[in-house]
C-alpha atoms as a PDB file:
ATOM      1  CA  MET A   1      12.905  -3.299  12.234  1.00  0.00           C
ATOM      2  CA  ASP A   2      15.493  -5.988  11.520  1.00  0.00           C
ATOM      3  CA  ARG A   3      18.542  -4.066  10.273  1.00  0.00           C
ATOM      4  CA  GLN A   4      20.676  -7.115   9.436  1.00  0.00           C
ATOM      5  CA  ASP A   5      18.377  -8.330   6.686  1.00  0.00           C
ATOM      6  CA  ALA A   6      16.947  -5.086   5.308  1.00  0.00           C
ATOM      7  CA  TYR A   7      13.528  -4.462   3.853  1.00  0.00           C
ATOM      8  CA  ASP A   8      12.934  -2.012   1.026  1.00  0.00           C
ATOM      9  CA  ILE A   9       9.788  -0.096   1.956  1.00  0.00           C
ATOM     10  CA  ARG A  10       8.466   2.002  -0.915  1.00  0.00           C
ATOM     11  CA  HIS A  11       5.632   2.956  -3.197  1.00  0.00           C
ATOM     12  CA  ALA A  12       4.958  -0.062  -5.389  1.00  0.00           C
ATOM     13  CA  ARG A  13       6.447  -0.223  -8.854  1.00  0.00           C
ATOM     14  CA  PRO A  14       4.846  -2.082 -11.771  1.00  0.00           C
ATOM     15  CA  GLU A  15       7.163  -5.037 -11.165  1.00  0.00           C
ATOM     16  CA  ASP A  16       5.859  -5.298  -7.567  1.00  0.00           C
ATOM     17  CA  VAL A  17       2.225  -5.742  -8.610  1.00  0.00           C
ATOM     18  CA  PRO A  18       2.234  -9.549  -9.138  1.00  0.00           C
ATOM     19  CA  GLY A  19       3.885 -10.141  -5.759  1.00  0.00           C
ATOM     20  CA  ALA A  20       1.548  -7.714  -4.011  1.00  0.00           C
ATOM     21  CA  ARG A  21      -1.492  -9.397  -5.586  1.00  0.00           C
ATOM     22  CA  ARG A  22      -0.203 -12.831  -4.530  1.00  0.00           C
ATOM     23  CA  LEU A  23       0.276 -11.679  -0.912  1.00  0.00           C
ATOM     24  CA  ILE A  24      -3.170 -10.058  -0.786  1.00  0.00           C
ATOM     25  CA  LEU A  25      -4.937 -13.099  -2.253  1.00  0.00           C
ATOM     26  CA  ASP A  26      -2.995 -15.452   0.028  1.00  0.00           C
ATOM     27  CA  THR A  27      -4.225 -13.378   2.974  1.00  0.00           C
ATOM     28  CA  PHE A  28      -7.856 -13.626   1.829  1.00  0.00           C
ATOM     29  CA  TYR A  29      -7.703 -17.392   1.443  1.00  0.00           C
ATOM     30  CA  ARG A  30      -5.230 -18.556   4.100  1.00  0.00           C
ATOM     31  CA  GLU A  31      -5.768 -16.096   6.926  1.00  0.00           C
ATOM     32  CA  PHE A  32      -9.286 -14.756   6.488  1.00  0.00           C
ATOM     33  CA  GLY A  33     -10.679 -18.065   5.282  1.00  0.00           C
ATOM     34  CA  TYR A  34     -13.264 -16.605   2.915  1.00  0.00           C
ATOM     35  CA  GLY A  35     -11.204 -15.986  -0.216  1.00  0.00           C
ATOM     36  CA  TYR A  36     -11.729 -13.378  -2.890  1.00  0.00           C
ATOM     37  CA  VAL A  37     -15.083 -11.563  -2.641  1.00  0.00           C
ATOM     38  CA  PRO A  38     -15.635  -9.357  -5.739  1.00  0.00           C
ATOM     39  CA  ALA A  39     -17.870  -6.895  -3.878  1.00  0.00           C
ATOM     40  CA  TRP A  40     -15.121  -6.268  -1.293  1.00  0.00           C
ATOM     41  CA  HIS A  41     -11.926  -6.862  -3.269  1.00  0.00           C
ATOM     42  CA  ALA A  42     -12.419  -5.461  -6.790  1.00  0.00           C
ATOM     43  CA  ASP A  43      -9.251  -3.343  -6.500  1.00  0.00           C
ATOM     44  CA  VAL A  44      -7.077  -6.468  -6.284  1.00  0.00           C
ATOM     45  CA  VAL A  45      -7.884  -7.528  -9.846  1.00  0.00           C
ATOM     46  CA  ASP A  46      -6.065  -4.490 -11.258  1.00  0.00           C
ATOM     47  CA  LEU A  47      -3.734  -3.047  -8.619  1.00  0.00           C
ATOM     48  CA  GLN A  48      -1.809  -1.144 -11.291  1.00  0.00           C
ATOM     49  CA  HIS A  49      -4.864   0.790 -12.474  1.00  0.00           C
ATOM     50  CA  HIS A  50      -6.458   1.219  -9.057  1.00  0.00           C
ATOM     51  CA  TYR A  51      -3.373   2.382  -7.168  1.00  0.00           C
ATOM     52  CA  LEU A  52      -0.285   3.045  -9.292  1.00  0.00           C
ATOM     53  CA  ASP A  53      -2.045   4.916 -12.101  1.00  0.00           C
ATOM     54  CA  HIS A  54      -4.206   7.082  -9.808  1.00  0.00           C
ATOM     55  CA  PRO A  55      -2.451  10.204  -8.456  1.00  0.00           C
ATOM     56  CA  ARG A  56      -4.419  10.262  -5.167  1.00  0.00           C
ATOM     57  CA  HIS A  57      -4.118   6.528  -4.469  1.00  0.00           C
ATOM     58  CA  ALA A  58      -1.096   4.604  -3.249  1.00  0.00           C
ATOM     59  CA  LEU A  59       0.105   1.033  -2.915  1.00  0.00           C
ATOM     60  CA  LEU A  60       3.079   0.657  -0.606  1.00  0.00           C
ATOM     61  CA  VAL A  61       5.125  -2.497  -0.282  1.00  0.00           C
ATOM     62  CA  ALA A  62       7.904  -3.979   1.793  1.00  0.00           C
ATOM     63  CA  VAL A  63      10.260  -6.044  -0.348  1.00  0.00           C
ATOM     64  CA  HIS A  64      12.659  -8.570   1.135  1.00  0.00           C
ATOM     65  CA  ARG A  65      15.129 -10.420  -1.082  1.00  0.00           C
ATOM     66  CA  GLY A  66      13.056  -9.576  -4.153  1.00  0.00           C
ATOM     67  CA  GLU A  67       9.730 -10.748  -2.668  1.00  0.00           C
ATOM     68  CA  VAL A  68       6.817  -8.506  -1.639  1.00  0.00           C
ATOM     69  CA  VAL A  69       6.266  -9.453   2.013  1.00  0.00           C
ATOM     70  CA  ALA A  70       3.951  -6.651   3.155  1.00  0.00           C
ATOM     71  CA  THR A  71       1.429  -4.276   1.606  1.00  0.00           C
ATOM     72  CA  THR A  72      -0.627  -1.238   2.475  1.00  0.00           C
ATOM     73  CA  ALA A  73      -2.932   0.659   0.147  1.00  0.00           C
ATOM     74  CA  LEU A  74      -4.835   3.918   0.298  1.00  0.00           C
ATOM     75  CA  HIS A  75      -7.669   5.131  -1.934  1.00  0.00           C
ATOM     76  CA  SER A  76     -10.074   8.055  -2.116  1.00  0.00           C
ATOM     77  CA  ASN A  77     -13.334   6.165  -1.604  1.00  0.00           C
ATOM     78  CA  GLY A  78     -14.970   6.401   1.772  1.00  0.00           C
ATOM     79  CA  PRO A  79     -16.942   3.517   3.252  1.00  0.00           C
ATOM     80  CA  ALA A  80     -19.990   2.275   1.331  1.00  0.00           C
ATOM     81  CA  HIS A  81     -23.534   1.745   2.574  1.00  0.00           C
ATOM     82  CA  PRO A  82     -24.387  -1.073   2.709  1.00  0.00           C
ATOM     83  CA  PRO A  83     -22.689  -2.881   4.384  1.00  0.00           C
ATOM     84  CA  HIS A  84     -21.379  -0.059   6.560  1.00  0.00           C
ATOM     85  CA  PRO A  85     -23.681   2.182   8.604  1.00  0.00           C
ATOM     86  CA  ARG A  86     -25.010   5.331   6.916  1.00  0.00           C
ATOM     87  CA  GLU A  87     -23.492   7.463   9.707  1.00  0.00           C
ATOM     88  CA  LEU A  88     -19.977   6.361   8.659  1.00  0.00           C
ATOM     89  CA  VAL A  89     -20.664   7.112   4.996  1.00  0.00           C
ATOM     90  CA  ASP A  90     -21.808  10.612   5.984  1.00  0.00           C
ATOM     91  CA  ARG A  91     -18.831  11.139   8.291  1.00  0.00           C
ATOM     92  CA  TYR A  92     -16.220   9.904   5.762  1.00  0.00           C
ATOM     93  CA  PRO A  93     -17.268  11.011   2.261  1.00  0.00           C
ATOM     94  CA  GLY A  94     -15.240  10.000  -0.770  1.00  0.00           C
ATOM     95  CA  GLY A  95     -12.846  12.575  -2.145  1.00  0.00           C
ATOM     96  CA  ILE A  96     -11.863  14.076   1.197  1.00  0.00           C
ATOM     97  CA  THR A  97     -11.447  10.714   2.942  1.00  0.00           C
ATOM     98  CA  ALA A  98      -8.527   8.399   2.390  1.00  0.00           C
ATOM     99  CA  GLN A  99      -9.417   4.803   3.146  1.00  0.00           C
ATOM    100  CA  LEU A 100      -6.575   2.584   4.319  1.00  0.00           C
ATOM    101  CA  VAL A 101      -6.825  -0.992   3.028  1.00  0.00           C
ATOM    102  CA  ARG A 102      -4.750  -4.127   2.335  1.00  0.00           C
ATOM    103  CA  VAL A 103      -2.458  -3.825   5.382  1.00  0.00           C
ATOM    104  CA  TYR A 104      -1.032  -7.356   5.230  1.00  0.00           C
ATOM    105  CA  VAL A 105       2.297  -8.870   6.286  1.00  0.00           C
ATOM    106  CA  ARG A 106       3.432 -12.436   5.578  1.00  0.00           C
ATOM    107  CA  ALA A 107       3.479 -14.342   8.870  1.00  0.00           C
ATOM    108  CA  GLU A 108       7.225 -14.989   8.836  1.00  0.00           C
ATOM    109  CA  HIS A 109       7.919 -11.236   8.482  1.00  0.00           C
ATOM    110  CA  ARG A 110       5.704 -10.000  11.300  1.00  0.00           C
ATOM    111  CA  ARG A 111       7.063  -8.273  14.397  1.00  0.00           C
ATOM    112  CA  HIS A 112       9.605  -6.255  12.388  1.00  0.00           C
ATOM    113  CA  GLY A 113       7.608  -3.004  12.332  1.00  0.00           C
ATOM    114  CA  LEU A 114       6.664  -3.360   8.661  1.00  0.00           C
ATOM    115  CA  ALA A 115       2.927  -2.666   9.001  1.00  0.00           C
ATOM    116  CA  ARG A 116       3.563   0.287  11.301  1.00  0.00           C
ATOM    117  CA  GLU A 117       6.084   1.808   8.865  1.00  0.00           C
ATOM    118  CA  LEU A 118       3.850   1.216   5.838  1.00  0.00           C
ATOM    119  CA  VAL A 119       0.927   2.865   7.637  1.00  0.00           C
ATOM    120  CA  ARG A 120       3.157   5.799   8.646  1.00  0.00           C
ATOM    121  CA  GLN A 121       4.156   6.319   5.016  1.00  0.00           C
ATOM    122  CA  ALA A 122       0.528   6.011   3.881  1.00  0.00           C
ATOM    123  CA  CYS A 123      -0.436   8.711   6.398  1.00  0.00           C
ATOM    124  CA  GLU A 124       2.356  10.911   5.111  1.00  0.00           C
ATOM    125  CA  PHE A 125       1.090  10.421   1.542  1.00  0.00           C
ATOM    126  CA  ALA A 126      -2.485  11.237   2.633  1.00  0.00           C
ATOM    127  CA  VAL A 127      -1.359  14.551   4.115  1.00  0.00           C
ATOM    128  CA  ASN A 128       1.280  15.633   1.588  1.00  0.00           C
ATOM    129  CA  GLU A 129       0.097  14.212  -1.724  1.00  0.00           C
ATOM    130  CA  GLY A 130      -3.548  13.301  -1.432  1.00  0.00           C
ATOM    131  CA  GLY A 131      -4.918  16.395   0.253  1.00  0.00           C
ATOM    132  CA  TYR A 132      -7.230  14.325   2.435  1.00  0.00           C
ATOM    133  CA  GLN A 133      -9.021  15.520   5.569  1.00  0.00           C
ATOM    134  CA  HIS A 134      -9.669  12.080   7.096  1.00  0.00           C
ATOM    135  CA  LEU A 135      -7.973   8.681   7.152  1.00  0.00           C
ATOM    136  CA  TYR A 136     -10.536   5.932   7.712  1.00  0.00           C
ATOM    137  CA  LEU A 137     -10.150   2.162   8.004  1.00  0.00           C
ATOM    138  CA  HIS A 138     -11.980  -0.868   9.264  1.00  0.00           C
ATOM    139  CA  THR A 139     -10.633  -4.172  10.465  1.00  0.00           C
ATOM    140  CA  ASN A 140     -11.787  -7.628  11.368  1.00  0.00           C
ATOM    141  CA  ALA A 141     -11.118  -7.787  15.097  1.00  0.00           C
ATOM    142  CA  ALA A 142     -11.436 -11.593  14.954  1.00  0.00           C
ATOM    143  CA  ILE A 143      -8.011 -11.753  13.240  1.00  0.00           C
ATOM    144  CA  PRO A 144      -5.381 -12.266  15.971  1.00  0.00           C
ATOM    145  CA  GLY A 145      -3.498  -9.047  16.689  1.00  0.00           C
ATOM    146  CA  ALA A 146      -5.560  -6.822  14.368  1.00  0.00           C
ATOM    147  CA  GLU A 147      -7.560  -4.954  16.979  1.00  0.00           C
ATOM    148  CA  ALA A 148      -4.580  -4.317  19.278  1.00  0.00           C
ATOM    149  CA  PHE A 149      -2.479  -3.096  16.353  1.00  0.00           C
ATOM    150  CA  TRP A 150      -5.089  -0.594  15.180  1.00  0.00           C
ATOM    151  CA  ARG A 151      -5.835   0.616  18.699  1.00  0.00           C
ATOM    152  CA  SER A 152      -2.143   1.515  19.011  1.00  0.00           C
ATOM    153  CA  LEU A 153      -2.403   3.810  15.964  1.00  0.00           C
ATOM    154  CA  ALA A 154      -6.002   4.876  15.553  1.00  0.00           C
ATOM    155  CA  GLU A 155      -9.152   5.975  17.325  1.00  0.00           C
ATOM    156  CA  GLU A 156     -12.228   3.752  17.270  1.00  0.00           C
ATOM    157  CA  VAL A 157     -15.229   5.454  15.682  1.00  0.00           C
ATOM    158  CA  TYR A 158     -17.716   2.569  15.491  1.00  0.00           C
ATOM    159  CA  ASP A 159     -17.792  -0.995  16.783  1.00  0.00           C
ATOM    160  CA  ALA A 160     -19.944  -3.004  14.382  1.00  0.00           C
ATOM    161  CA  ARG A 161     -19.419  -6.365  16.077  1.00  0.00           C
ATOM    162  CA  PRO A 162     -22.939  -6.375  17.561  1.00  0.00           C
ATOM    163  CA  THR A 163     -24.450  -5.676  14.113  1.00  0.00           C
ATOM    164  CA  GLY A 164     -22.658  -8.468  12.226  1.00  0.00           C
ATOM    165  CA  GLU A 165     -22.374  -6.151   9.231  1.00  0.00           C
ATOM    166  CA  HIS A 166     -20.113  -8.502   7.243  1.00  0.00           C
ATOM    167  CA  GLY A 167     -21.711 -11.763   8.367  1.00  0.00           C
ATOM    168  CA  PRO A 168     -20.613 -14.600  10.647  1.00  0.00           C
ATOM    169  CA  GLY A 169     -16.952 -14.716  11.654  1.00  0.00           C
ATOM    170  CA  VAL A 170     -16.229 -11.098  10.727  1.00  0.00           C
ATOM    171  CA  ALA A 171     -15.990  -8.752  13.708  1.00  0.00           C
ATOM    172  CA  THR A 172     -15.762  -5.309  12.105  1.00  0.00           C
ATOM    173  CA  VAL A 173     -14.447  -2.310  14.012  1.00  0.00           C
ATOM    174  CA  HIS A 174     -14.090   1.082  12.293  1.00  0.00           C
ATOM    175  CA  PHE A 175     -11.225   3.493  13.053  1.00  0.00           C
ATOM    176  CA  GLU A 176      -9.826   6.875  12.124  1.00  0.00           C
ATOM    177  CA  ILE A 177      -6.161   7.820  12.168  1.00  0.00           C
ATOM    178  CA  PRO A 178      -5.802  11.542  12.864  1.00  0.00           C
ATOM    179  CA  LEU A 179      -3.885  13.225  10.058  1.00  0.00           C
ATOM    180  CA  ARG A 180      -1.110  15.461  11.326  1.00  0.00           C
ATOM    181  CA  ARG A 181      -0.575  18.473   9.110  1.00  0.00           C
ATOM    182  CA  PRO A 182       2.894  20.035   8.989  1.00  0.00           C
ATOM    183  CA  ALA A 183       3.176  23.336  10.815  1.00  0.00           C
ATOM    184  CA  ALA A 184       2.869  26.434   8.607  1.00  0.00           C
ATOM    185  CA  VAL A 185       6.150  28.240   8.105  1.00  0.00           C
END
């Protein structure tokens, strides 16, 4: 991480919500190319309620010079069927599964370890605060760098690219990050 121009990595505060929403929506439109899809992105409308006000959910941000430049969120809902396969819904039920979402970094702030650190802190929250048994996520492997990043942190559990579960241009791969529990004292 760039130590000369520090980032403040933390759980989001109410004043971070507008910047986090802006970054997330920018990612949907500019990088993913499909924009806001209510069925997939309902949490973005009210980040405060969905993440900050829920004791088992978290929104983490990286702030640089007063601007939110990276996000990561975690919630207690497992994958939904459809569009995801029934076997994943059965394997990762809501309540005991933390789902990692909204792992986005502004292009000019990439390659500073922000996503990796935000994910590490989300995993820590899942173990220590959320009481989760599983940490599940899915990614669009068509986004440059996404698949390699997740393979460095997680274990693939289902490659949905042949199924086209999210439609043309979306190459979904599902992963689990093993949760490391602290040793009993």
